[in-house]
Amino acid sequence: MEDNYYEGHKKLHEQLSDEIFVALREIPESAYNDLFKMLKKFEQFLDKQIAENKN
């Protein structure tokens, strides 16, 4: 299951469009820390959900 998750995650990154990166470049530098904190919490939430669904 973990390999499938990794491959799916990798595929998602490959599908990201240039527009997303353009939008990220326009975010003020001061907002990056808040953005990364939010993304880290979201990733932890998803990891917890995946772990719970394995059981």
Protein backbone atom coordinates (compact mmCIF):
# COMPACT_ATOMS: atom_id res chain seq x y z
CA MET A 1 0.00 0.00 0.00
CA GLU A 2 2.82 2.41 0.87
CA ASP A 3 4.38 2.04 -2.60
CA ASN A 4 1.03 2.83 -4.20
CA TYR A 5 0.69 5.91 -1.98
CA TYR A 6 4.17 7.09 -2.94
CA GLU A 7 3.56 6.50 -6.64
CA GLY A 8 0.25 8.34 -6.42
CA HIS A 9 1.91 11.22 -4.59
CA LYS A 10 4.68 11.33 -7.18
CA LYS A 11 2.14 11.30 -10.01
CA LEU A 12 0.25 14.17 -8.39
CA HIS A 13 3.40 16.29 -8.40
CA GLU A 14 4.00 15.46 -12.04
CA GLN A 15 0.50 16.67 -12.90
CA LEU A 16 0.85 20.06 -11.21
CA SER A 17 0.45 22.80 -13.75
CA ASP A 18 2.69 25.80 -14.30
CA GLU A 19 -0.12 28.06 -13.05
CA ILE A 20 0.32 26.70 -9.53
CA PHE A 21 4.01 27.55 -9.54
CA VAL A 22 3.27 31.02 -10.92
CA ALA A 23 0.78 31.59 -8.11
CA LEU A 24 3.31 30.38 -5.53
CA ARG A 25 5.92 32.82 -6.86
CA GLU A 26 3.45 35.68 -6.34
CA ILE A 27 2.92 34.88 -2.64
CA PRO A 28 4.76 37.37 -0.43
CA GLU A 29 7.83 35.82 1.15
CA SER A 30 6.44 36.59 4.60
CA ALA A 31 3.52 34.22 3.92
CA TYR A 32 5.70 31.19 3.11
CA ASN A 33 6.16 30.11 6.73
CA ASP A 34 2.42 30.15 7.38
CA LEU A 35 1.78 28.28 4.14
CA PHE A 36 4.32 25.57 4.96
CA LYS A 37 3.00 25.19 8.51
CA MET A 38 -0.50 24.70 7.12
CA LEU A 39 0.73 22.19 4.53
CA LYS A 40 2.67 20.27 7.20
CA LYS A 41 -0.45 20.01 9.39
CA PHE A 42 -2.48 18.90 6.38
CA GLU A 43 0.13 16.25 5.53
CA GLN A 44 0.08 14.99 9.13
CA PHE A 45 -3.72 14.81 9.01
CA LEU A 46 -3.61 12.80 5.77
CA ASP A 47 -0.94 10.47 7.16
CA LYS A 48 -3.12 9.85 10.22
CA GLN A 49 -6.16 9.13 8.03
CA ILE A 50 -4.15 6.70 5.90
CA ALA A 51 -2.79 4.93 8.99
CA GLU A 52 -6.30 4.61 10.46
CA ASN A 53 -7.66 3.22 7.19
CA LYS A 54 -4.95 0.53 7.12
CA ASN A 55 -6.28 -0.92 10.38
